[in-house]
Protein backbone atom coordinates (compact mmCIF):
# COMPACT_ATOMS: atom_id res chain seq x y z
CA UNK A 1 -2.70 -8.85 -6.75
CA UNK A 2 -3.36 -12.19 -8.47
CA UNK A 3 -1.40 -11.96 -11.67
CA UNK A 4 0.69 -14.94 -10.58
CA UNK A 5 -2.33 -17.20 -10.99
CA UNK A 6 -2.31 -16.89 -14.83
CA UNK A 7 1.18 -18.39 -15.42
CA UNK A 8 0.38 -21.09 -12.82
CA UNK A 9 -2.84 -21.95 -14.61
CA UNK A 10 -1.06 -22.15 -17.93
CA UNK A 11 1.54 -24.44 -16.46
CA UNK A 12 -1.24 -26.73 -15.14
CA UNK A 13 -2.89 -26.73 -18.58
CA UNK A 14 0.45 -27.38 -20.28
CA UNK A 15 1.15 -30.23 -17.93
CA UNK A 16 -2.16 -31.84 -18.79
CA UNK A 17 -1.56 -31.37 -22.46
CA UNK A 18 1.93 -32.85 -22.09
CA UNK A 19 0.58 -35.99 -20.52
CA UNK A 20 -1.91 -36.48 -23.35
CA UNK A 21 0.94 -36.18 -25.91
CA UNK A 22 3.69 -37.80 -24.06
CA UNK A 23 5.38 -39.77 -26.86
CA UNK A 24 5.10 -37.16 -29.61
CA UNK A 25 7.90 -36.58 -32.13
CA UNK A 26 7.08 -32.89 -32.13
CA UNK A 27 10.11 -30.96 -30.61
CA UNK A 28 7.85 -28.47 -29.00
CA UNK A 29 5.91 -31.13 -27.14
CA UNK A 30 9.16 -32.82 -26.21
CA UNK A 31 10.38 -29.66 -24.53
CA UNK A 32 7.07 -28.69 -22.98
CA UNK A 33 8.59 -29.36 -19.55
CA UNK A 34 10.73 -26.21 -20.02
CA UNK A 35 7.55 -24.09 -20.35
CA UNK A 36 6.00 -25.81 -17.35
CA UNK A 37 9.02 -25.21 -15.18
CA UNK A 38 9.32 -21.57 -16.29
CA UNK A 39 5.63 -20.91 -15.64
CA UNK A 40 5.56 -22.55 -12.26
CA UNK A 41 8.84 -20.85 -11.26
CA UNK A 42 7.62 -17.46 -12.30
CA UNK A 43 4.29 -17.89 -10.57
CA UNK A 44 5.96 -19.05 -7.40
CA UNK A 45 8.28 -16.06 -7.28
CA UNK A 46 5.45 -13.70 -7.96
CA UNK A 47 3.40 -15.33 -5.16
CA UNK A 48 6.33 -14.82 -2.78
CA UNK A 49 6.48 -11.15 -3.77
CA UNK A 50 2.70 -10.73 -3.23
CA UNK A 51 3.03 -12.32 0.21
CA UNK A 52 5.86 -9.88 1.03
CA UNK A 53 3.71 -6.93 0.00
CA UNK A 54 0.67 -8.18 1.99
CA UNK A 55 -1.55 -8.86 -0.98
CA UNK A 56 -1.81 -12.57 -0.05
CA UNK A 57 -2.76 -13.42 3.52
CA UNK A 58 -2.94 -16.72 5.29
CA UNK A 59 -6.63 -16.53 6.17
CA UNK A 60 -9.87 -16.49 4.19
CA UNK A 61 -10.21 -15.06 1.42
CA UNK A 62 -6.41 -15.31 0.99
CA UNK A 63 -6.29 -12.46 -1.49
CA UNK A 64 -6.83 -9.03 0.05
CA UNK A 65 -8.43 -7.87 -3.18
CA UNK A 66 -11.34 -10.28 -2.63
CA UNK A 67 -12.46 -8.46 0.52
CA UNK A 68 -13.78 -5.39 -1.28
CA UNK A 69 -15.79 -5.86 -4.54
CA UNK A 70 -14.25 -2.79 -6.09
CA UNK A 71 -10.75 -4.32 -5.51
CA UNK A 72 -11.95 -7.57 -6.98
CA UNK A 73 -12.70 -5.89 -10.29
CA UNK A 74 -9.23 -4.34 -10.20
CA UNK A 75 -7.68 -7.70 -9.46
CA UNK A 76 -9.50 -9.39 -12.40
CA UNK A 77 -8.37 -6.57 -14.70
CA UNK A 78 -4.79 -7.03 -13.57
CA UNK A 79 -4.98 -10.80 -14.15
CA UNK A 80 -6.35 -10.03 -17.70
CA UNK A 81 -3.60 -7.55 -18.53
CA UNK A 82 -0.45 -8.24 -16.53
CA UNK A 83 -0.96 -12.00 -15.98
CA UNK A 84 -1.81 -12.71 -19.68
CA UNK A 85 1.09 -10.50 -20.80
CA UNK A 86 3.59 -12.25 -18.56
CA UNK A 87 2.35 -15.65 -19.74
CA UNK A 88 2.52 -14.60 -23.38
CA UNK A 89 6.12 -13.38 -22.83
CA UNK A 90 6.99 -16.69 -21.19
CA UNK A 91 5.57 -18.53 -24.13
CA UNK A 92 7.54 -16.42 -26.68
CA UNK A 93 10.75 -17.02 -24.73
CA UNK A 94 10.01 -20.75 -24.59
CA UNK A 95 9.41 -20.85 -28.33
CA UNK A 96 12.71 -19.10 -28.91
CA UNK A 97 14.50 -21.52 -26.60
CA UNK A 98 13.07 -24.47 -28.52
CA UNK A 99 13.99 -23.03 -31.85
CA UNK A 100 17.53 -22.41 -30.72
CA UNK A 101 17.86 -25.89 -29.32
CA UNK A 102 16.56 -27.34 -32.63
CA UNK A 103 19.08 -25.26 -34.55
CA UNK A 104 21.97 -26.31 -32.26
CA UNK A 105 21.00 -29.99 -32.56
CA UNK A 106 20.94 -29.79 -36.34
CA UNK A 107 24.36 -28.17 -36.36
CA UNK A 108 25.81 -30.95 -34.15
CA UNK A 109 24.53 -33.61 -36.50
CA UNK A 110 26.12 -31.98 -39.57
CA UNK A 111 29.62 -31.81 -38.12
């Protein structure tokens, strides 16, 4: 229903953090744009899927789950479970990508 909003919110928070630490020597902060792009991309594709299934409409309140209070509770539960799980998986994949890129860069310097 609204699980796509969690990765998008994490991308916005990561973008704000990235601006604060723009010139850091930390390799994770240097590659934070990868996480931001992955989160925005995943959230965008999930939003398209929710529009296709009729869970997002183009009139107020935009999310069909917000019309009925019982559905709103279910939506918040889905955000807390599915949305957080997807964001955590994105984060783990991003950390793995950064570690692999660090390893590859070290190997290039040795040769």
